[in-house]
C-alpha atoms as a PDB file:
ATOM      1  CA  MET A   1     -10.730   7.072  41.575  1.00  0.00           C
ATOM      2  CA  ASN A   2     -11.834   9.715  38.884  1.00  0.00           C
ATOM      3  CA  PRO A   3     -12.219   7.991  35.263  1.00  0.00           C
ATOM      4  CA  THR A   4      -9.354  10.721  34.423  1.00  0.00           C
ATOM      5  CA  ASP A   5      -7.358   9.628  36.724  1.00  0.00           C
ATOM      6  CA  THR A   6      -7.439   5.392  35.647  1.00  0.00           C
ATOM      7  CA  PRO A   7      -4.777   5.261  32.848  1.00  0.00           C
ATOM      8  CA  GLN A   8      -5.942   4.838  28.476  1.00  0.00           C
ATOM      9  CA  LYS A   9      -4.854   1.086  27.447  1.00  0.00           C
ATOM     10  CA  ASN A  10      -2.700   2.288  24.979  1.00  0.00           C
ATOM     11  CA  PRO A  11      -2.018   5.190  25.265  1.00  0.00           C
ATOM     12  CA  ARG A  12      -0.025   8.064  22.929  1.00  0.00           C
ATOM     13  CA  PRO A  13       3.006   9.287  23.995  1.00  0.00           C
ATOM     14  CA  ASP A  14       2.780  13.272  23.186  1.00  0.00           C
ATOM     15  CA  PRO A  15       5.009  14.532  20.507  1.00  0.00           C
ATOM     16  CA  GLU A  16       6.995  17.257  22.611  1.00  0.00           C
ATOM     17  CA  GLU A  17       8.438  14.364  24.684  1.00  0.00           C
ATOM     18  CA  LEU A  18       9.088  12.338  21.977  1.00  0.00           C
ATOM     19  CA  ARG A  19      11.292  14.590  20.117  1.00  0.00           C
ATOM     20  CA  ASP A  20      12.505  15.915  23.931  1.00  0.00           C
ATOM     21  CA  LEU A  21      13.907  12.601  24.075  1.00  0.00           C
ATOM     22  CA  LEU A  22      15.144  11.951  21.049  1.00  0.00           C
ATOM     23  CA  GLU A  23      17.036  15.146  21.185  1.00  0.00           C
ATOM     24  CA  GLU A  24      18.756  13.539  24.076  1.00  0.00           C
ATOM     25  CA  SER A  25      19.706  10.597  22.727  1.00  0.00           C
ATOM     26  CA  PHE A  26      21.306  12.572  19.890  1.00  0.00           C
ATOM     27  CA  ASP A  27      23.042  15.653  21.680  1.00  0.00           C
ATOM     28  CA  ASP A  28      26.166  13.763  23.195  1.00  0.00           C
ATOM     29  CA  PRO A  29      28.644  13.738  21.198  1.00  0.00           C
ATOM     30  CA  ALA A  30      30.752  10.801  22.346  1.00  0.00           C
ATOM     31  CA  THR A  31      30.414   7.609  20.846  1.00  0.00           C
ATOM     32  CA  PRO A  32      28.394   4.592  21.925  1.00  0.00           C
ATOM     33  CA  GLY A  33      31.101   3.190  23.660  1.00  0.00           C
ATOM     34  CA  GLU A  34      32.934   6.152  25.154  1.00  0.00           C
ATOM     35  CA  MET A  35      29.551   6.810  27.214  1.00  0.00           C
ATOM     36  CA  SER A  36      30.049   6.300  30.695  1.00  0.00           C
ATOM     37  CA  ALA A  37      28.128   3.892  32.104  1.00  0.00           C
ATOM     38  CA  PRO A  38      25.050   6.260  34.850  1.00  0.00           C
ATOM     39  CA  GLU A  39      24.400   8.091  31.561  1.00  0.00           C
ATOM     40  CA  ASP A  40      24.168   4.771  28.921  1.00  0.00           C
ATOM     41  CA  ALA A  41      21.534   3.345  31.762  1.00  0.00           C
ATOM     42  CA  SER A  42      19.315   6.457  32.428  1.00  0.00           C
ATOM     43  CA  GLN A  43      19.761   6.718  29.267  1.00  0.00           C
ATOM     44  CA  SER A  44      17.791   3.617  28.183  1.00  0.00           C
ATOM     45  CA  ARG A  45      15.657   4.335  30.799  1.00  0.00           C
ATOM     46  CA  GLY A  46      14.294   7.088  29.107  1.00  0.00           C
ATOM     47  CA  LEU A  47      13.622   5.377  25.706  1.00  0.00           C
ATOM     48  CA  GLN A  48      12.429   1.519  27.300  1.00  0.00           C
ATOM     49  CA  PHE A  49       9.028   2.035  27.131  1.00  0.00           C
ATOM     50  CA  LEU A  50       9.862   2.600  23.180  1.00  0.00           C
ATOM     51  CA  TYR A  51      11.013  -0.604  22.867  1.00  0.00           C
ATOM     52  CA  ASP A  52       8.127  -2.908  22.674  1.00  0.00           C
ATOM     53  CA  VAL A  53       6.362   0.036  19.821  1.00  0.00           C
ATOM     54  CA  PRO A  54       5.299  -2.246  16.583  1.00  0.00           C
ATOM     55  CA  LEU A  55       6.437  -0.588  13.576  1.00  0.00           C
ATOM     56  CA  GLN A  56       5.134  -1.610  10.120  1.00  0.00           C
ATOM     57  CA  ILE A  57       8.176  -1.762   7.753  1.00  0.00           C
ATOM     58  CA  SER A  58       7.896  -1.393   3.935  1.00  0.00           C
ATOM     59  CA  VAL A  59      10.572  -1.268   0.786  1.00  0.00           C
ATOM     60  CA  GLU A  60       8.604   1.085  -2.020  1.00  0.00           C
ATOM     61  CA  VAL A  61      10.326  -0.456  -5.401  1.00  0.00           C
ATOM     62  CA  GLY A  62       9.498   2.298  -7.407  1.00  0.00           C
ATOM     63  CA  ARG A  63       5.651   4.163  -7.993  1.00  0.00           C
ATOM     64  CA  CYS A  64       2.923   4.476 -11.104  1.00  0.00           C
ATOM     65  CA  LYS A  65      -0.105   6.238 -11.863  1.00  0.00           C
ATOM     66  CA  LEU A  66      -3.615   3.777 -13.490  1.00  0.00           C
ATOM     67  CA  LEU A  67      -6.555   4.351 -15.183  1.00  0.00           C
ATOM     68  CA  LEU A  68      -8.843   2.207 -13.340  1.00  0.00           C
ATOM     69  CA  LYS A  69      -9.984   0.987 -16.655  1.00  0.00           C
ATOM     70  CA  ASP A  70      -5.924  -0.552 -17.247  1.00  0.00           C
ATOM     71  CA  LEU A  71      -5.966  -1.654 -13.387  1.00  0.00           C
ATOM     72  CA  LEU A  72      -9.024  -3.497 -14.393  1.00  0.00           C
ATOM     73  CA  GLU A  73      -7.750  -4.725 -17.650  1.00  0.00           C
ATOM     74  CA  MET A  74      -4.758  -6.621 -15.887  1.00  0.00           C
ATOM     75  CA  GLY A  75      -3.931  -9.850 -15.992  1.00  0.00           C
ATOM     76  CA  THR A  76      -1.426 -12.663 -14.985  1.00  0.00           C
ATOM     77  CA  GLY A  77       2.397 -11.328 -16.429  1.00  0.00           C
ATOM     78  CA  GLN A  78       1.128  -8.046 -16.734  1.00  0.00           C
ATOM     79  CA  ILE A  79       3.698  -6.090 -16.602  1.00  0.00           C
ATOM     80  CA  ILE A  80       3.800  -2.642 -14.708  1.00  0.00           C
ATOM     81  CA  GLU A  81       6.229  -0.152 -15.891  1.00  0.00           C
ATOM     82  CA  LEU A  82       7.628   1.917 -12.410  1.00  0.00           C
ATOM     83  CA  ASP A  83       9.518   5.201 -11.940  1.00  0.00           C
ATOM     84  CA  LYS A  84      12.381   4.409 -11.224  1.00  0.00           C
ATOM     85  CA  SER A  85      15.168   2.654 -13.118  1.00  0.00           C
ATOM     86  CA  ALA A  86      16.383  -0.511 -12.195  1.00  0.00           C
ATOM     87  CA  ASP A  87      19.793   0.403 -10.587  1.00  0.00           C
ATOM     88  CA  GLU A  88      18.306   3.427  -8.149  1.00  0.00           C
ATOM     89  CA  PRO A  89      18.685   2.770  -4.316  1.00  0.00           C
ATOM     90  CA  LEU A  90      14.860   0.871  -3.183  1.00  0.00           C
ATOM     91  CA  ASP A  91      13.299   3.310  -0.485  1.00  0.00           C
ATOM     92  CA  LEU A  92      12.332   2.192   4.040  1.00  0.00           C
ATOM     93  CA  TYR A  93       9.897   3.361   5.453  1.00  0.00           C
ATOM     94  CA  VAL A  94       8.808   2.810   9.134  1.00  0.00           C
ATOM     95  CA  ASN A  95       4.985   3.786   9.560  1.00  0.00           C
ATOM     96  CA  SER A  96       5.191   5.697   6.049  1.00  0.00           C
ATOM     97  CA  ARG A  97       7.925   7.851   6.669  1.00  0.00           C
ATOM     98  CA  LEU A  98      11.812   7.436   4.783  1.00  0.00           C
ATOM     99  CA  ILE A  99      13.845   6.367   7.118  1.00  0.00           C
ATOM    100  CA  ALA A 100      16.652   5.279   4.975  1.00  0.00           C
ATOM    101  CA  LYS A 101      18.049   4.010   1.016  1.00  0.00           C
ATOM    102  CA  GLY A 102      19.386   0.849  -0.123  1.00  0.00           C
ATOM    103  CA  LYS A 103      19.597  -2.024  -2.479  1.00  0.00           C
ATOM    104  CA  PRO A 104      18.135  -5.415  -2.701  1.00  0.00           C
ATOM    105  CA  VAL A 105      19.517  -8.521  -1.369  1.00  0.00           C
ATOM    106  CA  LEU A 106      18.841 -11.915  -1.205  1.00  0.00           C
ATOM    107  CA  VAL A 107      19.072 -13.414   2.097  1.00  0.00           C
ATOM    108  CA  GLY A 108      18.617 -17.375   2.251  1.00  0.00           C
ATOM    109  CA  ASP A 109      15.610 -17.793  -0.504  1.00  0.00           C
ATOM    110  CA  LYS A 110      14.030 -14.494   0.726  1.00  0.00           C
ATOM    111  CA  PHE A 111      14.846 -10.554   0.095  1.00  0.00           C
ATOM    112  CA  GLY A 112      16.105  -8.238   2.152  1.00  0.00           C
ATOM    113  CA  ILE A 113      17.321  -4.664   1.692  1.00  0.00           C
ATOM    114  CA  LYS A 114      20.828  -3.314   2.297  1.00  0.00           C
ATOM    115  CA  LEU A 115      20.542   0.420   4.015  1.00  0.00           C
ATOM    116  CA  THR A 116      23.440   2.897   1.802  1.00  0.00           C
ATOM    117  CA  GLU A 117      21.433   5.761   2.936  1.00  0.00           C
ATOM    118  CA  VAL A 118      19.855   6.294   6.331  1.00  0.00           C
ATOM    119  CA  ILE A 119      18.387  10.311   6.481  1.00  0.00           C
ATOM    120  CA  SER A 120      19.616  11.760   9.348  1.00  0.00           C
ATOM    121  CA  ALA A 121      18.182  11.644  12.929  1.00  0.00           C
ATOM    122  CA  SER A 122      17.709  15.336  12.983  1.00  0.00           C
ATOM    123  CA  ASP A 123      16.341  15.154   9.662  1.00  0.00           C
ATOM    124  CA  ARG A 124      14.004  12.149  10.481  1.00  0.00           C
ATOM    125  CA  ILE A 125      13.091  14.045  14.048  1.00  0.00           C
ATOM    126  CA  GLU A 126      12.348  17.437  12.230  1.00  0.00           C
ATOM    127  CA  LYS A 127       9.673  15.192  10.102  1.00  0.00           C
ATOM    128  CA  LEU A 128       7.798  14.525  12.986  1.00  0.00           C
ATOM    129  CA  GLY A 129       6.681  17.860  13.618  1.00  0.00           C
END
């Protein structure tokens, strides 16, 4: 067996292949309930290898710029003013890419986000390139 024949431990998918797979998923104008079983099964198999890919999800409340001097002088109780107003939507990032916007909610005793706007699939695919 050639060293080039051995599978890589964590091979990265080819970006072109991912783009083609994602475009195929969104090209069908049928609504999810109208898809025939064979087409649905083939699309599911085509994306199956992506289902176990871990994703880092983060929600951004706002941003600000600080001088190092100010950062070093911070203490408990310090308030930092961010660039967004309290009524602006939060940004939801998946692997550092903006995917959606939403508003904060409480889920039990934890924070959550209720999505109010999802970036279109075509815009997300375009940003991959």
